[in-house]
Amino acid sequence: MDQEHQQGHGRWQRRRRRSTGADGRPAATGRSVWGSKMNCKKVVVLTMLVWLGGCEVASRGPGATAPADKAAAPVKTAAAAAGKTGVACPSQQFDAFLAAFMDDVAIQKAFTASPLQSETVDANADPEPRPVTTMLDATALRFPVMPGAQQQKRDGLVLRQTELNGDKEVMLAKPDTDYQMSFFFKKGECWTLYRTRDDSL
């Protein structure tokens, strides 16, 4: 009986050693290790799902930036042709533009080139009068640069309009006098006065 008891006790000790580590704590079995690995994988997968869900919500948020190919392209309107003062182009048709330009100083300021090419005649030049060209910057310009329709009527001025290579020339003259003033406009996003010529002596 003692021998059988010793043999049984030895088998029990071997099983105990296999089930415990060197420090006496229970050793992890294949089942428990596999279970812990599965738990880690679940945690990683859940973490990724939460992270991806957060990215999707952020992408749909009010501060999200639209893709470049779907971004709204700027729309050109009359305001896009505004001058430096933010005044919208009154018309692409020259006759309508000219009517507004003559009677509105704000439009004249917005659609007059700076510097403005100004041509005059020096009547005191020797031996004879000679043309003089100056470039007037914003500080030298005086408005209105062109009299309005009512002023032209009061002064007895006659308006004549011609075209050359797409540019427009508007000449104001007073019959039976030497008064003759010309205004030259060119077309861009809007019409712009870029040159004046005073042929008066």
C-alpha atoms as a PDB file:
ATOM      1  CA  MET A   1       0.000   0.000   0.000  1.00  0.00           C
ATOM      2  CA  ASP A   2       2.848   2.308   0.792  1.00  0.00           C
ATOM      3  CA  GLN A   3       4.380   1.714  -2.641  1.00  0.00           C
ATOM      4  CA  GLU A   4       1.065   2.339  -4.434  1.00  0.00           C
ATOM      5  CA  HIS A   5       0.542   5.401  -2.304  1.00  0.00           C
ATOM      6  CA  GLN A   6       3.973   6.714  -3.225  1.00  0.00           C
ATOM      7  CA  GLN A   7       3.385   6.051  -6.955  1.00  0.00           C
ATOM      8  CA  GLY A   8       0.030   7.838  -6.848  1.00  0.00           C
ATOM      9  CA  HIS A   9       1.587  10.732  -4.960  1.00  0.00           C
ATOM     10  CA  GLY A  10       4.347  10.973  -7.602  1.00  0.00           C
ATOM     11  CA  ARG A  11       1.831  11.162 -10.459  1.00  0.00           C
ATOM     12  CA  TRP A  12      -0.050  13.868  -8.606  1.00  0.00           C
ATOM     13  CA  GLN A  13       3.200  15.864  -8.142  1.00  0.00           C
ATOM     14  CA  ARG A  14       4.034  15.619 -11.874  1.00  0.00           C
ATOM     15  CA  ARG A  15       0.573  16.814 -12.864  1.00  0.00           C
ATOM     16  CA  ARG A  16       0.916  19.666 -10.369  1.00  0.00           C
ATOM     17  CA  ARG A  17       4.297  20.703 -11.799  1.00  0.00           C
ATOM     18  CA  ARG A  18       2.838  20.774 -15.324  1.00  0.00           C
ATOM     19  CA  SER A  19      -0.099  22.899 -14.184  1.00  0.00           C
ATOM     20  CA  THR A  20       2.048  25.429 -12.297  1.00  0.00           C
ATOM     21  CA  GLY A  21       5.014  27.592 -13.211  1.00  0.00           C
ATOM     22  CA  ALA A  22       8.394  27.777 -11.596  1.00  0.00           C
ATOM     23  CA  ASP A  23       7.063  30.295  -9.097  1.00  0.00           C
ATOM     24  CA  GLY A  24       4.236  28.049  -8.069  1.00  0.00           C
ATOM     25  CA  ARG A  25       1.521  30.071  -9.890  1.00  0.00           C
ATOM     26  CA  PRO A  26      -0.880  28.273 -12.245  1.00  0.00           C
ATOM     27  CA  ALA A  27       0.596  28.042 -15.734  1.00  0.00           C
ATOM     28  CA  ALA A  28      -1.430  29.349 -18.692  1.00  0.00           C
ATOM     29  CA  THR A  29      -2.932  26.561 -20.703  1.00  0.00           C
ATOM     30  CA  GLY A  30      -3.311  26.594 -24.461  1.00  0.00           C
ATOM     31  CA  ARG A  31      -6.995  27.361 -24.047  1.00  0.00           C
ATOM     32  CA  SER A  32      -6.404  30.372 -21.785  1.00  0.00           C
ATOM     33  CA  VAL A  33      -3.655  31.797 -24.027  1.00  0.00           C
ATOM     34  CA  TRP A  34      -5.839  31.438 -27.107  1.00  0.00           C
ATOM     35  CA  GLY A  35      -8.695  33.120 -25.283  1.00  0.00           C
ATOM     36  CA  SER A  36      -6.499  36.069 -24.316  1.00  0.00           C
ATOM     37  CA  LYS A  37      -5.290  36.444 -27.922  1.00  0.00           C
ATOM     38  CA  MET A  38      -8.885  36.481 -29.160  1.00  0.00           C
ATOM     39  CA  ASN A  39      -9.775  39.141 -26.593  1.00  0.00           C
ATOM     40  CA  CYS A  40      -6.846  41.304 -27.761  1.00  0.00           C
ATOM     41  CA  LYS A  41      -7.963  40.980 -31.378  1.00  0.00           C
ATOM     42  CA  LYS A  42     -11.494  41.986 -30.462  1.00  0.00           C
ATOM     43  CA  VAL A  43     -10.217  45.050 -28.627  1.00  0.00           C
ATOM     44  CA  VAL A  44      -8.063  46.070 -31.615  1.00  0.00           C
ATOM     45  CA  VAL A  45     -10.948  45.580 -34.085  1.00  0.00           C
ATOM     46  CA  LEU A  46     -13.369  47.541 -31.900  1.00  0.00           C
ATOM     47  CA  THR A  47     -10.830  50.334 -31.463  1.00  0.00           C
ATOM     48  CA  MET A  48     -10.354  50.580 -35.245  1.00  0.00           C
ATOM     49  CA  LEU A  49     -14.118  50.649 -35.833  1.00  0.00           C
ATOM     50  CA  VAL A  50     -14.576  53.447 -33.301  1.00  0.00           C
ATOM     51  CA  TRP A  51     -11.698  55.418 -34.852  1.00  0.00           C
ATOM     52  CA  LEU A  52     -13.015  54.977 -38.396  1.00  0.00           C
ATOM     53  CA  GLY A  53     -16.511  55.939 -37.260  1.00  0.00           C
ATOM     54  CA  GLY A  54     -15.121  59.128 -35.730  1.00  0.00           C
ATOM     55  CA  CYS A  55     -13.329  60.011 -38.978  1.00  0.00           C
ATOM     56  CA  GLU A  56     -16.548  59.502 -40.949  1.00  0.00           C
ATOM     57  CA  VAL A  57     -18.525  61.711 -38.580  1.00  0.00           C
ATOM     58  CA  ALA A  58     -15.827  64.400 -38.760  1.00  0.00           C
ATOM     59  CA  SER A  59     -15.859  64.246 -42.558  1.00  0.00           C
ATOM     60  CA  ARG A  60     -19.595  64.877 -42.561  1.00  0.00           C
ATOM     61  CA  GLY A  61     -19.393  67.673 -40.000  1.00  0.00           C
ATOM     62  CA  PRO A  62     -20.197  71.301 -40.756  1.00  0.00           C
ATOM     63  CA  GLY A  63     -16.531  72.220 -40.931  1.00  0.00           C
ATOM     64  CA  ALA A  64     -15.676  69.552 -43.476  1.00  0.00           C
ATOM     65  CA  THR A  65     -13.952  70.679 -46.637  1.00  0.00           C
ATOM     66  CA  ALA A  66     -15.529  69.639 -49.917  1.00  0.00           C
ATOM     67  CA  PRO A  67     -13.375  67.760 -52.426  1.00  0.00           C
ATOM     68  CA  ALA A  68     -11.466  70.000 -54.779  1.00  0.00           C
ATOM     69  CA  ASP A  69     -13.308  68.719 -57.850  1.00  0.00           C
ATOM     70  CA  LYS A  70     -16.665  69.541 -56.249  1.00  0.00           C
ATOM     71  CA  ALA A  71     -15.682  72.930 -54.856  1.00  0.00           C
ATOM     72  CA  ALA A  72     -17.902  75.717 -56.087  1.00  0.00           C
ATOM     73  CA  ALA A  73     -16.213  77.657 -58.880  1.00  0.00           C
ATOM     74  CA  PRO A  74     -16.308  81.442 -58.572  1.00  0.00           C
ATOM     75  CA  VAL A  75     -19.156  82.947 -60.557  1.00  0.00           C
ATOM     76  CA  LYS A  76     -18.432  85.993 -62.663  1.00  0.00           C
ATOM     77  CA  THR A  77     -21.056  88.655 -62.266  1.00  0.00           C
ATOM     78  CA  ALA A  78     -21.221  92.356 -62.956  1.00  0.00           C
ATOM     79  CA  ALA A  79     -19.636  92.891 -59.552  1.00  0.00           C
ATOM     80  CA  ALA A  80     -16.587  90.926 -60.735  1.00  0.00           C
ATOM     81  CA  ALA A  81     -15.879  93.802 -63.103  1.00  0.00           C
ATOM     82  CA  ALA A  82     -16.014  96.357 -60.315  1.00  0.00           C
ATOM     83  CA  GLY A  83     -13.390  99.042 -60.148  1.00  0.00           C
ATOM     84  CA  LYS A  84     -11.129  99.871 -57.213  1.00  0.00           C
ATOM     85  CA  THR A  85     -13.988 101.452 -55.295  1.00  0.00           C
ATOM     86  CA  GLY A  86     -16.127  98.318 -55.562  1.00  0.00           C
ATOM     87  CA  VAL A  87     -18.604  99.918 -58.010  1.00  0.00           C
ATOM     88  CA  ALA A  88     -20.167  97.392 -60.373  1.00  0.00           C
ATOM     89  CA  CYS A  89     -19.821  97.833 -64.137  1.00  0.00           C
ATOM     90  CA  PRO A  90     -22.978  99.707 -65.197  1.00  0.00           C
ATOM     91  CA  SER A  91     -23.206  97.974 -68.576  1.00  0.00           C
ATOM     92  CA  GLN A  92     -21.221  96.028 -71.138  1.00  0.00           C
ATOM     93  CA  GLN A  93     -23.014  98.020 -73.857  1.00  0.00           C
ATOM     94  CA  PHE A  94     -21.026 101.187 -74.424  1.00  0.00           C
ATOM     95  CA  ASP A  95     -23.940 103.587 -74.927  1.00  0.00           C
ATOM     96  CA  ALA A  96     -25.503 102.590 -71.592  1.00  0.00           C
ATOM     97  CA  PHE A  97     -22.091 102.645 -69.910  1.00  0.00           C
ATOM     98  CA  LEU A  98     -21.316 106.123 -71.261  1.00  0.00           C
ATOM     99  CA  ALA A  99     -24.639 107.543 -70.047  1.00  0.00           C
ATOM    100  CA  ALA A 100     -23.926 106.243 -66.534  1.00  0.00           C
ATOM    101  CA  PHE A 101     -20.266 107.305 -66.660  1.00  0.00           C
ATOM    102  CA  MET A 102     -21.045 110.918 -67.585  1.00  0.00           C
ATOM    103  CA  ASP A 103     -23.588 111.431 -64.812  1.00  0.00           C
ATOM    104  CA  ASP A 104     -21.998 109.542 -61.902  1.00  0.00           C
ATOM    105  CA  VAL A 105     -18.695 110.649 -60.362  1.00  0.00           C
ATOM    106  CA  ALA A 106     -18.396 107.350 -58.439  1.00  0.00           C
ATOM    107  CA  ILE A 107     -18.490 105.434 -61.731  1.00  0.00           C
ATOM    108  CA  GLN A 108     -15.932 107.813 -63.240  1.00  0.00           C
ATOM    109  CA  LYS A 109     -13.584 107.181 -60.308  1.00  0.00           C
ATOM    110  CA  ALA A 110     -14.073 103.429 -60.557  1.00  0.00           C
ATOM    111  CA  PHE A 111     -13.530 103.157 -64.318  1.00  0.00           C
ATOM    112  CA  THR A 112     -10.849 105.727 -65.023  1.00  0.00           C
ATOM    113  CA  ALA A 113      -7.344 104.337 -65.470  1.00  0.00           C
ATOM    114  CA  SER A 114      -4.669 105.416 -63.041  1.00  0.00           C
ATOM    115  CA  PRO A 115      -2.413 106.808 -64.289  1.00  0.00           C
ATOM    116  CA  LEU A 116      -4.563 108.453 -66.945  1.00  0.00           C
ATOM    117  CA  GLN A 117      -2.862 109.547 -70.163  1.00  0.00           C
ATOM    118  CA  SER A 118      -3.624 113.223 -70.631  1.00  0.00           C
ATOM    119  CA  GLU A 119      -2.778 115.046 -73.871  1.00  0.00           C
ATOM    120  CA  THR A 120      -2.950 118.816 -74.099  1.00  0.00           C
ATOM    121  CA  VAL A 121      -1.634 121.546 -76.356  1.00  0.00           C
ATOM    122  CA  ASP A 122       0.947 124.017 -75.114  1.00  0.00           C
ATOM    123  CA  ALA A 123      -0.230 127.178 -76.879  1.00  0.00           C
ATOM    124  CA  ASN A 124       2.746 129.187 -75.584  1.00  0.00           C
ATOM    125  CA  ALA A 125       5.399 126.882 -76.994  1.00  0.00           C
ATOM    126  CA  ASP A 126       7.940 128.508 -79.320  1.00  0.00           C
ATOM    127  CA  PRO A 127       7.960 128.695 -82.252  1.00  0.00           C
ATOM    128  CA  GLU A 128       4.477 127.094 -82.412  1.00  0.00           C
ATOM    129  CA  PRO A 129       2.029 125.239 -80.180  1.00  0.00           C
ATOM    130  CA  ARG A 130       3.073 121.666 -79.413  1.00  0.00           C
ATOM    131  CA  PRO A 131       1.331 118.636 -77.866  1.00  0.00           C
ATOM    132  CA  VAL A 132       2.196 117.700 -74.292  1.00  0.00           C
ATOM    133  CA  THR A 133       1.512 114.273 -72.792  1.00  0.00           C
ATOM    134  CA  THR A 134       1.391 113.687 -69.044  1.00  0.00           C
ATOM    135  CA  MET A 135       0.410 110.689 -66.925  1.00  0.00           C
ATOM    136  CA  LEU A 136      -1.985 111.677 -64.163  1.00  0.00           C
ATOM    137  CA  ASP A 137      -1.999 109.472 -61.075  1.00  0.00           C
ATOM    138  CA  ALA A 138      -4.797 109.302 -58.520  1.00  0.00           C
ATOM    139  CA  THR A 139      -3.553 112.383 -56.668  1.00  0.00           C
ATOM    140  CA  ALA A 140      -3.510 114.512 -59.842  1.00  0.00           C
ATOM    141  CA  LEU A 141      -6.892 113.456 -61.223  1.00  0.00           C
ATOM    142  CA  ARG A 142      -9.777 115.881 -60.788  1.00  0.00           C
ATOM    143  CA  PHE A 143     -13.379 114.676 -60.970  1.00  0.00           C
ATOM    144  CA  PRO A 144     -15.591 114.875 -62.806  1.00  0.00           C
ATOM    145  CA  VAL A 145     -13.232 114.209 -65.697  1.00  0.00           C
ATOM    146  CA  MET A 146     -16.149 114.406 -68.123  1.00  0.00           C
ATOM    147  CA  PRO A 147     -19.160 116.728 -67.882  1.00  0.00           C
ATOM    148  CA  GLY A 148     -22.587 115.188 -67.429  1.00  0.00           C
ATOM    149  CA  ALA A 149     -25.435 115.355 -69.925  1.00  0.00           C
ATOM    150  CA  GLN A 150     -27.070 118.380 -68.254  1.00  0.00           C
ATOM    151  CA  GLN A 151     -23.773 120.261 -68.089  1.00  0.00           C
ATOM    152  CA  GLN A 152     -23.109 119.539 -71.757  1.00  0.00           C
ATOM    153  CA  LYS A 153     -26.532 120.926 -72.643  1.00  0.00           C
ATOM    154  CA  ARG A 154     -25.992 124.078 -70.596  1.00  0.00           C
ATOM    155  CA  ASP A 155     -22.574 124.667 -72.199  1.00  0.00           C
ATOM    156  CA  GLY A 156     -23.855 123.992 -75.716  1.00  0.00           C
ATOM    157  CA  LEU A 157     -21.517 121.024 -76.250  1.00  0.00           C
ATOM    158  CA  VAL A 158     -22.080 118.572 -79.057  1.00  0.00           C
ATOM    159  CA  LEU A 159     -21.174 114.879 -78.494  1.00  0.00           C
ATOM    160  CA  ARG A 160     -19.822 112.738 -81.297  1.00  0.00           C
ATOM    161  CA  GLN A 161     -18.806 109.112 -80.970  1.00  0.00           C
ATOM    162  CA  THR A 162     -16.435 107.066 -83.151  1.00  0.00           C
ATOM    163  CA  GLU A 163     -14.824 103.631 -82.919  1.00  0.00           C
ATOM    164  CA  LEU A 164     -11.291 102.474 -83.751  1.00  0.00           C
ATOM    165  CA  ASN A 165     -10.068  98.886 -83.307  1.00  0.00           C
ATOM    166  CA  GLY A 166     -12.709  98.200 -80.674  1.00  0.00           C
ATOM    167  CA  ASP A 167     -11.850 101.336 -78.663  1.00  0.00           C
ATOM    168  CA  LYS A 168     -14.354 104.143 -78.374  1.00  0.00           C
ATOM    169  CA  GLU A 169     -13.634 107.855 -78.816  1.00  0.00           C
ATOM    170  CA  VAL A 170     -16.130 110.363 -77.470  1.00  0.00           C
ATOM    171  CA  MET A 171     -15.552 113.941 -78.583  1.00  0.00           C
ATOM    172  CA  LEU A 172     -17.193 116.978 -77.029  1.00  0.00           C
ATOM    173  CA  ALA A 173     -16.991 120.187 -79.072  1.00  0.00           C
ATOM    174  CA  LYS A 174     -18.571 123.621 -78.862  1.00  0.00           C
ATOM    175  CA  PRO A 175     -19.531 125.043 -82.240  1.00  0.00           C
ATOM    176  CA  ASP A 176     -17.867 128.301 -83.306  1.00  0.00           C
ATOM    177  CA  THR A 177     -15.190 127.949 -80.602  1.00  0.00           C
ATOM    178  CA  ASP A 178     -11.858 126.206 -80.302  1.00  0.00           C
ATOM    179  CA  TYR A 179     -13.153 123.980 -77.482  1.00  0.00           C
ATOM    180  CA  GLN A 180     -12.670 120.317 -78.372  1.00  0.00           C
ATOM    181  CA  MET A 181     -12.163 117.535 -75.840  1.00  0.00           C
ATOM    182  CA  SER A 182     -11.834 113.814 -76.610  1.00  0.00           C
ATOM    183  CA  PHE A 183     -12.203 110.821 -74.265  1.00  0.00           C
ATOM    184  CA  PHE A 184     -10.899 107.362 -75.161  1.00  0.00           C
ATOM    185  CA  PHE A 185     -12.328 104.147 -73.709  1.00  0.00           C
ATOM    186  CA  LYS A 186     -11.147 100.560 -74.036  1.00  0.00           C
ATOM    187  CA  LYS A 187     -12.995  97.339 -73.257  1.00  0.00           C
ATOM    188  CA  GLY A 188     -11.838  94.880 -70.609  1.00  0.00           C
ATOM    189  CA  GLU A 189     -14.075  93.323 -67.991  1.00  0.00           C
ATOM    190  CA  CYS A 190     -15.764  96.699 -68.242  1.00  0.00           C
ATOM    191  CA  TRP A 191     -15.168  99.902 -70.180  1.00  0.00           C
ATOM    192  CA  THR A 192     -12.351 102.107 -68.883  1.00  0.00           C
ATOM    193  CA  LEU A 193     -11.359 105.680 -69.680  1.00  0.00           C
ATOM    194  CA  TYR A 194      -7.622 105.423 -70.356  1.00  0.00           C
ATOM    195  CA  ARG A 195      -6.810 108.609 -72.317  1.00  0.00           C
ATOM    196  CA  THR A 196      -8.030 112.171 -72.755  1.00  0.00           C
ATOM    197  CA  ARG A 197      -7.037 114.731 -75.381  1.00  0.00           C
ATOM    198  CA  ASP A 198      -7.679 118.438 -75.096  1.00  0.00           C
ATOM    199  CA  ASP A 199      -7.271 120.126 -78.479  1.00  0.00           C
ATOM    200  CA  SER A 200      -8.467 123.504 -77.250  1.00  0.00           C
ATOM    201  CA  LEU A 201      -6.101 126.448 -77.758  1.00  0.00           C
END
